[in-house]
Amino acid sequence: MKLLRQRYLPEGLLLMVLCTVAAAAHEHGNGGAKLSAEKIWAEMLGKQDILAVSAAFDANGRLWRARVKDGRVLVDHSDDLGATFSPAIATNGDKEAIGAEGDARPKIVTSSDGAIYVSYTQLLSKPYSGNIRFSRSLDGGKTFSAPITVNDNHDIIGHRFDALAAGADGKVYLAWLDKRDEAAAKKQNEAYAGSALYYAVSKDRGATFGANIKVVDHACECCRVAMALGGDGVPAILWRHVYDGNVRDHAFTKLEGNIRPVRVSHDNWTVEACPHHGPALAAGPDGRYHAVWFDNAPQNHGLFYARSQDGGTTFGTPMKFGNDLAQPSHPDILSLGKVVLLAWKEFDGEKSAVYTMRSLDSGTTWSTPRRAAETADASDYPTLIGHSDRAYLSWNTLKEGYRVIPLNDDPL
C-alpha cells in the first residue's frame, strides 16, 4: 500500500494518514509495518492530550465539560461561561488508557430531565483496538455511575470513535466504528474495506443498552461519526464512507425505521488511508439537516457545507467555504432554528485561528467569514455549543487556555 500525495494536508492529517497506512500494511503481513503500528500505538496509549475537550450546556444554562487527565475522564461545570470551574469529578474510578486526541475524544451531553451522559473510548493492548464506554450522572453531576462497555463484541479489535446523543424521552444513543465484521471477513480470507458502523440504544436513561445494531459496512475506519437529534426526536448520523474504488465521501442516515444511507458528498476523494478528519452534523427543529466536511480530492478540496430540506432524503449542492491557502480544517456546525453557525480552523504559517460564519435563513445565505479567536501555540479543534437562542465557540489552546466565546453578535 502506498501513500497518495495530496495537494495539501491540514494540521495533524499527514501523521494520521501515515498511521493508518502502517496499520493497513500490518494487516497485509508487512513485518516492518507491524513494528511501526505497535510503536505508534504504544505512544498513543501513553499520551493524554490535555487540549481535547468536549462541552455542553444543560437546560439551565450551566456549562459542562469533559476532558482526560491521568487515565480518567474528568467532568466539571461552570456558571460563568468557563471563567471558573467546579472541582472535577472522575467518571471512572480505575485508570484506563483513553482516546483523548483529535476525533477520538470523550463526549458529554445533557438531557432536559437533568441527566448528564459521558462516553469515551477505552484503548486496548493491540494497535487500533478499543471499547466504547459509558457513564451517567442522575444527581446533577455530583456522582457518576461506574462505566459500562456498550459494544457487545468483546474481541480485542477496534470499537472506537463514538458519537453520543440523548433525547427528552429518556433514550440514549451511541454510535461507533466497529471492526468485528472486518475480523470475520479476514477469517474467511475475504477483503473488507474500512469498518462497520454500529449503534446501540438505552431506553432507561443509560442504565442498560440494547443489542448492538449494524447500520452499514465499509465506513471509513478512523473519521469521527457525527450524530444529531432531529426535531422528531430521531437520531441521525453522518460519516465518511468507503465507496467503490476507495472513494471516501460522506453518507447520512436516520437510526430508526428503514435505514437507507444517502450519499451527501460526491467529491470523489480516492485515498488508500483514513484521513482522520470526520464531518459534523446539526439538526434544526424545522426538519432541516446541516452537514459540513473536509475533502482533499483534486477537483474538490477544502471545506464544504450542504443541507437537506426534506428530512434527510436528499442534500443540496454543497457550498465551499474557508481559505484554501490557510489549510482550513475541522469544521463544526450548530443549528438554532433559522440561525445556523459554522466554525473552522485555519493556519497562516504563524498562527492558528478559528473563523465563523452565520446564516439567519436556515443556511440559504451566509455572512462573510469572521476571525473569532486565534493562538500562536498548539490548539484543540473548535466546537460550537448553544443554549436557548445563544451560540458559543468552545476552544481550548495551550497558551490561552479554555475559552467560551459568544457568537450571536457576529456581523452579517
Protein backbone atom coordinates (compact mmCIF):
# COMPACT_ATOMS: atom_id res chain seq x y z
CA MET A 1 0.00 0.00 0.00
CA LYS A 2 1.32 3.42 -0.92
CA LEU A 3 0.50 6.85 0.36
CA LEU A 4 -1.05 9.09 -2.26
CA ARG A 5 0.46 12.56 -2.33
CA GLN A 6 -2.24 15.17 -1.92
CA ARG A 7 -2.30 18.84 -2.77
CA TYR A 8 -2.08 19.89 0.86
CA LEU A 9 -2.65 18.29 4.23
CA PRO A 10 -4.12 20.26 7.15
CA GLU A 11 -2.72 20.23 10.64
CA GLY A 12 -2.25 16.72 12.00
CA LEU A 13 -3.61 14.97 8.91
CA LEU A 14 -0.35 13.68 7.46
CA LEU A 15 0.56 11.88 10.70
CA MET A 16 -2.83 10.23 10.89
CA VAL A 17 -2.69 9.10 7.27
CA LEU A 18 0.74 7.57 7.84
CA CYS A 19 -0.51 5.81 10.97
CA THR A 20 -3.43 4.33 9.11
CA VAL A 21 -1.27 3.21 6.22
CA ALA A 22 1.09 1.50 8.66
CA ALA A 23 -1.82 -0.29 10.30
CA ALA A 24 -3.24 -1.40 6.96
CA ALA A 25 0.15 -2.68 5.82
CA HIS A 26 0.42 -4.60 9.09
CA GLU A 27 -2.90 -6.28 8.33
CA HIS A 28 -1.46 -7.39 5.00
CA GLY A 29 1.52 -9.06 6.61
CA ASN A 30 4.26 -6.45 6.44
CA GLY A 31 6.57 -7.10 9.41
CA GLY A 32 8.11 -3.63 9.35
CA ALA A 33 4.68 -2.04 9.38
CA LYS A 34 3.74 -4.25 12.32
CA LEU A 35 6.60 -2.80 14.34
CA SER A 36 5.64 0.72 13.29
CA ALA A 37 1.97 0.24 14.19
CA GLU A 38 2.83 -1.25 17.57
CA LYS A 39 5.28 1.57 18.32
CA ILE A 40 2.75 4.24 17.33
CA TRP A 41 0.06 2.55 19.39
CA ALA A 42 2.31 2.33 22.45
CA GLU A 43 2.92 6.06 22.17
CA MET A 44 -0.82 6.72 21.90
CA LEU A 45 -1.51 4.62 25.00
CA GLY A 46 0.88 6.77 26.96
CA LYS A 47 -0.41 10.08 25.66
CA GLN A 48 -3.13 12.05 27.43
CA ASP A 49 -3.97 15.07 25.31
CA ILE A 50 -4.64 17.96 27.70
CA LEU A 51 -6.24 20.00 24.92
CA ALA A 52 -9.05 17.63 23.87
CA VAL A 53 -12.27 18.98 25.42
CA SER A 54 -15.99 18.36 24.95
CA ALA A 55 -18.61 20.74 26.33
CA ALA A 56 -22.38 21.12 26.53
CA PHE A 57 -24.93 23.36 28.24
CA ASP A 58 -27.71 21.91 30.37
CA ALA A 59 -31.31 23.14 30.38
CA ASN A 60 -30.48 25.80 32.98
CA GLY A 61 -27.54 27.24 31.05
CA ARG A 62 -24.82 25.62 33.17
CA LEU A 63 -21.78 24.64 31.11
CA TRP A 64 -20.47 21.08 31.48
CA ARG A 65 -17.03 20.00 30.31
CA ALA A 66 -15.34 16.60 29.83
CA ARG A 67 -11.60 16.06 29.42
CA VAL A 68 -8.95 13.43 30.15
CA LYS A 69 -6.17 13.56 32.71
CA ASP A 70 -4.04 10.78 34.22
CA GLY A 71 -6.19 7.95 32.87
CA ARG A 72 -9.53 9.37 33.96
CA VAL A 73 -12.37 11.22 32.30
CA LEU A 74 -12.95 14.35 34.36
CA VAL A 75 -16.22 16.30 34.36
CA ASP A 76 -16.65 19.79 35.80
CA HIS A 77 -19.09 22.67 35.35
CA SER A 78 -19.07 26.44 35.05
CA ASP A 79 -21.71 29.06 35.79
CA ASP A 80 -19.72 31.94 34.26
CA LEU A 81 -19.05 30.73 30.70
CA GLY A 82 -15.80 28.99 31.53
CA ALA A 83 -14.13 31.72 33.56
CA THR A 84 -14.12 29.39 36.58
CA PHE A 85 -14.96 25.72 37.02
CA SER A 86 -16.11 23.50 39.85
CA PRO A 87 -13.83 20.78 41.27
CA ALA A 88 -13.68 17.96 38.71
CA ILE A 89 -15.38 14.59 39.23
CA ALA A 90 -13.89 11.43 37.69
CA THR A 91 -16.37 9.26 35.82
CA ASN A 92 -14.09 6.21 36.00
CA GLY A 93 -12.61 5.05 39.32
CA ASP A 94 -9.82 2.95 37.80
CA LYS A 95 -7.27 4.42 35.45
CA GLU A 96 -7.67 3.49 31.79
CA ALA A 97 -5.91 4.27 28.54
CA ILE A 98 -8.42 6.64 26.97
CA GLY A 99 -8.75 8.01 23.47
CA ALA A 100 -8.16 11.70 24.03
CA GLU A 101 -6.89 13.19 20.83
CA GLY A 102 -8.46 14.64 17.71
CA ASP A 103 -11.58 12.81 16.60
CA ALA A 104 -11.35 10.27 19.45
CA ARG A 105 -12.11 12.47 22.47
CA PRO A 106 -14.69 11.77 25.22
CA LYS A 107 -18.20 13.10 24.60
CA ILE A 108 -20.60 14.78 27.04
CA VAL A 109 -24.30 15.52 26.56
CA THR A 110 -27.08 16.67 28.86
CA SER A 111 -30.80 15.92 28.78
CA SER A 112 -33.79 18.05 29.68
CA ASP A 113 -34.51 15.83 32.71
CA GLY A 114 -31.17 16.80 34.31
CA ALA A 115 -29.14 13.71 33.43
CA ILE A 116 -25.52 14.04 32.28
CA TYR A 117 -24.10 11.40 29.97
CA VAL A 118 -20.47 10.70 29.07
CA SER A 119 -18.98 8.29 26.54
CA TYR A 120 -15.38 7.57 25.64
CA THR A 121 -13.10 5.02 24.00
CA GLN A 122 -11.04 2.77 26.24
CA LEU A 123 -7.88 1.88 24.31
CA LEU A 124 -6.76 -1.76 24.45
CA SER A 125 -3.45 -3.55 24.05
CA LYS A 126 -3.44 -4.25 20.30
CA PRO A 127 -2.96 -1.46 17.76
CA TYR A 128 -6.16 0.39 16.93
CA SER A 129 -8.30 -1.63 19.36
CA GLY A 130 -10.74 -0.27 21.89
CA ASN A 131 -14.07 -0.46 23.71
CA ILE A 132 -16.93 2.03 23.84
CA ARG A 133 -17.52 3.07 27.45
CA PHE A 134 -20.42 4.95 29.02
CA SER A 135 -21.16 6.63 32.35
CA ARG A 136 -24.04 8.76 33.64
CA SER A 137 -24.97 11.12 36.44
CA LEU A 138 -28.54 11.41 37.68
CA ASP A 139 -27.78 13.71 40.62
CA GLY A 140 -26.65 16.86 38.87
CA GLY A 141 -23.05 15.81 38.33
CA LYS A 142 -22.30 15.03 41.98
CA THR A 143 -21.53 11.38 41.20
CA PHE A 144 -21.18 9.23 38.10
CA SER A 145 -22.01 5.57 37.62
CA ALA A 146 -19.27 3.00 37.12
CA PRO A 147 -18.53 2.90 33.37
CA ILE A 148 -20.04 0.09 31.31
CA THR A 149 -18.86 -1.30 27.97
CA VAL A 150 -21.53 -0.77 25.32
CA ASN A 151 -20.12 -2.87 22.48
CA ASP A 152 -21.35 -6.45 22.90
CA ASN A 153 -18.45 -7.84 20.87
CA HIS A 154 -15.53 -8.06 23.30
CA ASP A 155 -12.74 -9.13 20.94
CA ILE A 156 -9.59 -7.03 21.21
CA ILE A 157 -10.31 -5.19 17.98
CA GLY A 158 -11.47 -1.72 17.06
CA HIS A 159 -14.63 -0.34 18.67
CA ARG A 160 -13.81 3.36 18.50
CA PHE A 161 -14.84 6.91 17.54
CA ASP A 162 -18.07 7.09 19.50
CA ALA A 163 -20.91 9.59 18.95
CA LEU A 164 -23.44 10.27 21.72
CA ALA A 165 -26.92 11.81 21.86
CA ALA A 166 -29.77 11.89 24.39
CA GLY A 167 -33.46 12.52 23.83
CA ALA A 168 -36.08 14.10 26.03
CA ASP A 169 -37.84 10.72 26.26
CA GLY A 170 -35.04 9.13 28.32
CA LYS A 171 -33.43 7.37 25.37
CA VAL A 172 -29.66 7.50 24.96
CA TYR A 173 -27.97 6.70 21.65
CA LEU A 174 -24.38 5.65 20.96
CA ALA A 175 -22.86 5.03 17.52
CA TRP A 176 -19.31 4.00 16.70
CA LEU A 177 -16.92 2.42 14.19
CA ASP A 178 -16.54 -1.33 14.69
CA LYS A 179 -14.07 -3.87 13.27
CA ARG A 180 -15.94 -7.10 14.13
CA ASP A 181 -17.14 -7.64 10.55
CA GLU A 182 -13.70 -7.00 9.13
CA ALA A 183 -12.27 -9.57 11.55
CA ALA A 184 -14.89 -12.11 10.43
CA ALA A 185 -14.10 -11.41 6.78
CA LYS A 186 -10.38 -11.92 7.38
CA LYS A 187 -11.06 -15.36 8.84
CA GLN A 188 -12.71 -16.24 5.54
CA ASN A 189 -9.85 -14.68 3.54
CA GLU A 190 -12.27 -12.07 2.23
CA ALA A 191 -11.46 -8.45 1.55
CA TYR A 192 -13.15 -5.83 3.72
CA ALA A 193 -12.66 -2.09 3.37
CA GLY A 194 -12.87 0.14 6.42
CA SER A 195 -15.08 -0.59 9.43
CA ALA A 196 -18.72 -1.33 10.06
CA LEU A 197 -20.87 1.32 11.68
CA TYR A 198 -22.88 0.17 14.73
CA TYR A 199 -25.19 1.76 17.27
CA ALA A 200 -27.00 0.88 20.49
CA VAL A 201 -29.96 2.41 22.32
CA SER A 202 -30.75 2.74 26.01
CA LYS A 203 -34.42 3.16 26.89
CA ASP A 204 -33.84 3.64 30.63
CA ARG A 205 -31.66 6.78 30.83
CA GLY A 206 -28.44 4.84 30.29
CA ALA A 207 -28.92 2.13 32.93
CA THR A 208 -28.71 -0.55 30.21
CA PHE A 209 -28.22 -0.67 26.45
CA GLY A 210 -29.88 -2.96 23.94
CA ALA A 211 -28.15 -5.19 21.41
CA ASN A 212 -25.67 -3.63 19.01
CA ILE A 213 -27.24 -2.90 15.62
CA LYS A 214 -25.23 -2.64 12.41
CA VAL A 215 -26.01 0.38 10.28
CA VAL A 216 -23.74 -0.30 7.33
CA ASP A 217 -20.47 -1.93 6.25
CA HIS A 218 -17.44 -0.03 4.94
CA ALA A 219 -17.37 3.19 6.92
CA CYS A 220 -14.02 4.98 6.88
CA GLU A 221 -12.12 3.44 9.79
CA CYS A 222 -11.00 6.45 11.85
CA CYS A 223 -13.02 9.50 10.90
CA ARG A 224 -15.36 10.63 13.64
CA VAL A 225 -19.06 9.84 13.40
CA ALA A 226 -21.39 12.84 13.76
CA MET A 227 -24.80 12.46 15.40
CA ALA A 228 -27.71 14.87 15.85
CA LEU A 229 -31.27 14.56 17.12
CA GLY A 230 -33.87 15.85 14.70
CA GLY A 231 -36.97 17.77 15.64
CA ASP A 232 -38.82 14.43 15.57
CA GLY A 233 -36.51 13.06 18.27
CA VAL A 234 -34.95 10.53 15.90
CA PRO A 235 -31.13 10.48 15.82
CA ALA A 236 -29.33 10.91 12.51
CA ILE A 237 -25.70 10.23 11.71
CA LEU A 238 -23.19 11.48 9.16
CA TRP A 239 -19.96 9.64 8.41
CA ARG A 240 -17.19 9.27 5.85
CA HIS A 241 -17.89 6.15 3.80
CA VAL A 242 -15.65 3.95 1.65
CA TYR A 243 -17.27 3.73 -1.77
CA ASP A 244 -16.07 1.57 -4.67
CA GLY A 245 -12.51 2.32 -5.75
CA ASN A 246 -11.51 3.61 -2.28
CA VAL A 247 -13.50 6.79 -2.79
CA ARG A 248 -14.12 8.31 0.66
CA ASP A 249 -17.17 10.51 0.55
CA HIS A 250 -19.89 11.14 3.12
CA ALA A 251 -23.18 9.40 3.86
CA PHE A 252 -26.20 10.16 6.06
CA THR A 253 -28.99 8.12 7.61
CA LYS A 254 -31.51 8.11 10.42
CA LEU A 255 -31.21 5.39 13.05
CA GLU A 256 -34.85 4.40 13.43
CA GLY A 257 -37.18 2.93 10.86
CA ASN A 258 -35.90 1.73 7.50
CA ILE A 259 -32.21 2.68 7.44
CA ARG A 260 -31.34 3.92 3.96
CA PRO A 261 -27.98 5.68 3.69
CA VAL A 262 -27.96 8.77 1.49
CA ARG A 263 -24.77 9.90 -0.21
CA VAL A 264 -24.16 13.52 0.81
CA SER A 265 -20.86 14.38 -0.91
CA HIS A 266 -19.64 13.47 -4.39
CA ASP A 267 -16.11 14.87 -4.15
CA ASN A 268 -14.56 11.54 -5.20
CA TRP A 269 -11.52 11.69 -2.93
CA THR A 270 -9.62 8.50 -3.64
CA VAL A 271 -7.13 7.73 -0.88
CA GLU A 272 -5.81 4.42 0.43
CA ALA A 273 -5.93 5.53 4.05
CA CYS A 274 -8.25 7.15 6.52
CA PRO A 275 -7.72 10.92 6.70
CA HIS A 276 -8.81 11.08 10.37
CA HIS A 277 -10.96 14.07 9.53
CA GLY A 278 -14.61 13.41 10.26
CA PRO A 279 -17.69 15.51 9.44
CA ALA A 280 -20.14 17.41 11.64
CA LEU A 281 -23.93 17.44 11.61
CA ALA A 282 -26.65 19.69 13.02
CA ALA A 283 -30.42 19.20 13.03
CA GLY A 284 -32.89 22.05 13.16
CA PRO A 285 -36.34 21.97 14.74
CA ASP A 286 -37.70 22.75 11.25
CA GLY A 287 -36.67 19.33 9.93
CA ARG A 288 -33.59 20.58 8.10
CA TYR A 289 -30.20 18.88 8.46
CA HIS A 290 -26.92 20.74 8.04
CA ALA A 291 -23.69 18.89 7.17
CA VAL A 292 -20.07 20.08 6.95
CA TRP A 293 -16.95 18.16 6.00
CA PHE A 294 -13.39 18.28 4.68
CA ASP A 295 -12.22 16.61 1.46
CA ASN A 296 -8.98 16.71 -0.49
CA ALA A 297 -9.96 15.46 -3.93
CA PRO A 298 -8.08 17.04 -6.86
CA GLN A 299 -11.11 18.98 -8.08
CA ASN A 300 -12.94 19.35 -4.76
CA HIS A 301 -10.61 20.11 -1.89
CA GLY A 302 -11.28 22.13 1.22
CA LEU A 303 -14.37 22.59 3.40
CA PHE A 304 -17.96 22.12 2.29
CA TYR A 305 -21.48 22.72 3.61
CA ALA A 306 -24.71 21.11 2.40
CA ARG A 307 -28.24 20.97 3.79
CA SER A 308 -31.30 18.81 3.49
CA GLN A 309 -34.70 20.47 3.42
CA ASP A 310 -36.70 17.24 3.16
CA GLY A 311 -35.83 15.46 6.40
CA GLY A 312 -32.59 13.92 5.13
CA THR A 313 -33.95 12.31 1.97
CA THR A 314 -31.75 14.46 -0.25
CA PHE A 315 -28.99 17.04 0.22
CA GLY A 316 -28.48 20.11 -1.92
CA THR A 317 -25.46 21.30 -3.86
CA PRO A 318 -22.50 21.81 -1.49
CA MET A 319 -21.19 25.28 -0.69
CA LYS A 320 -17.42 25.63 -0.41
CA PHE A 321 -16.02 27.83 2.37
CA GLY A 322 -12.68 28.66 4.02
CA ASN A 323 -9.36 29.89 2.66
CA ASP A 324 -7.56 27.09 0.80
CA LEU A 325 -4.24 28.88 1.27
CA ALA A 326 -4.57 28.65 5.07
CA GLN A 327 -5.21 24.91 5.40
CA PRO A 328 -8.88 25.10 6.51
CA SER A 329 -9.82 22.12 8.65
CA HIS A 330 -12.11 20.54 11.27
CA PRO A 331 -15.38 22.37 10.63
CA ASP A 332 -18.28 22.32 13.07
CA ILE A 333 -21.91 23.42 12.71
CA LEU A 334 -24.73 24.44 15.04
CA SER A 335 -28.42 24.98 14.28
CA LEU A 336 -30.60 27.18 16.47
CA GLY A 337 -33.54 27.00 14.08
CA LYS A 338 -33.28 29.59 11.32
CA VAL A 339 -29.95 30.73 12.79
CA VAL A 340 -27.13 28.38 11.73
CA LEU A 341 -23.44 28.86 12.54
CA LEU A 342 -20.25 27.49 11.04
CA ALA A 343 -16.80 27.36 12.66
CA TRP A 344 -13.50 26.02 11.40
CA LYS A 345 -9.77 26.29 11.93
CA GLU A 346 -7.12 27.85 9.69
CA PHE A 347 -3.33 28.22 9.92
CA ASP A 348 -1.44 31.03 8.19
CA GLY A 349 2.05 29.73 8.90
CA GLU A 350 2.37 31.51 12.24
CA LYS A 351 -0.99 31.45 14.00
CA SER A 352 -4.00 29.17 14.16
CA ALA A 353 -7.33 30.96 14.02
CA VAL A 354 -10.98 29.99 14.27
CA TYR A 355 -13.30 31.55 11.74
CA THR A 356 -17.08 31.65 11.90
CA MET A 357 -19.97 32.38 9.54
CA ARG A 358 -23.64 32.87 10.34
CA SER A 359 -26.89 32.30 8.46
CA LEU A 360 -30.21 33.81 9.52
CA ASP A 361 -32.30 31.91 6.98
CA SER A 362 -31.58 28.22 7.69
CA GLY A 363 -28.46 28.10 5.54
CA THR A 364 -29.72 29.86 2.40
CA THR A 365 -27.36 32.83 2.68
CA TRP A 366 -24.27 33.34 4.82
CA SER A 367 -22.29 36.19 6.35
CA THR A 368 -18.69 36.79 5.39
CA PRO A 369 -16.10 34.87 7.47
CA ARG A 370 -15.10 36.46 10.78
CA ARG A 371 -11.99 35.66 12.83
CA ALA A 372 -13.38 34.73 16.25
CA ALA A 373 -10.17 33.72 18.06
CA GLU A 374 -6.51 32.93 17.43
CA THR A 375 -3.44 31.45 19.07
CA ALA A 376 0.26 31.20 18.30
CA ASP A 377 0.62 27.83 20.03
CA ALA A 378 -0.96 24.35 19.98
CA SER A 379 -4.76 24.22 19.97
CA ASP A 380 -7.71 21.86 20.01
CA TYR A 381 -10.38 21.57 17.34
CA PRO A 382 -13.07 24.28 17.57
CA THR A 383 -16.60 23.24 18.51
CA LEU A 384 -19.91 25.09 18.60
CA ILE A 385 -22.30 24.81 21.53
CA GLY A 386 -25.61 26.51 22.17
CA HIS A 387 -28.19 27.27 24.81
CA SER A 388 -31.64 28.67 24.05
CA ASP A 389 -31.02 31.13 21.21
CA ARG A 390 -27.38 31.81 22.06
CA ALA A 391 -24.34 30.34 20.28
CA TYR A 392 -20.80 29.99 21.60
CA LEU A 393 -17.40 28.87 20.37
CA SER A 394 -15.73 26.31 22.65
CA TRP A 395 -11.96 26.27 22.08
CA ASN A 396 -9.00 25.10 24.13
CA THR A 397 -5.48 26.35 23.43
CA LEU A 398 -2.17 25.68 25.14
CA LYS A 399 -1.31 29.35 25.54
CA GLU A 400 -4.66 30.98 26.32
CA GLY A 401 -6.41 28.04 27.97
CA TYR A 402 -10.05 27.06 27.61
CA ARG A 403 -12.37 29.75 26.26
CA VAL A 404 -16.12 30.06 25.62
CA ILE A 405 -16.71 32.90 23.18
CA PRO A 406 -20.21 34.35 22.42
CA LEU A 407 -21.01 34.41 18.70
CA ASN A 408 -24.54 35.78 18.35
CA ASP A 409 -23.33 39.29 17.61
CA ASP A 410 -21.26 38.23 14.60
CA PRO A 411 -21.72 40.84 11.82
CA LEU A 412 -23.54 39.80 8.68
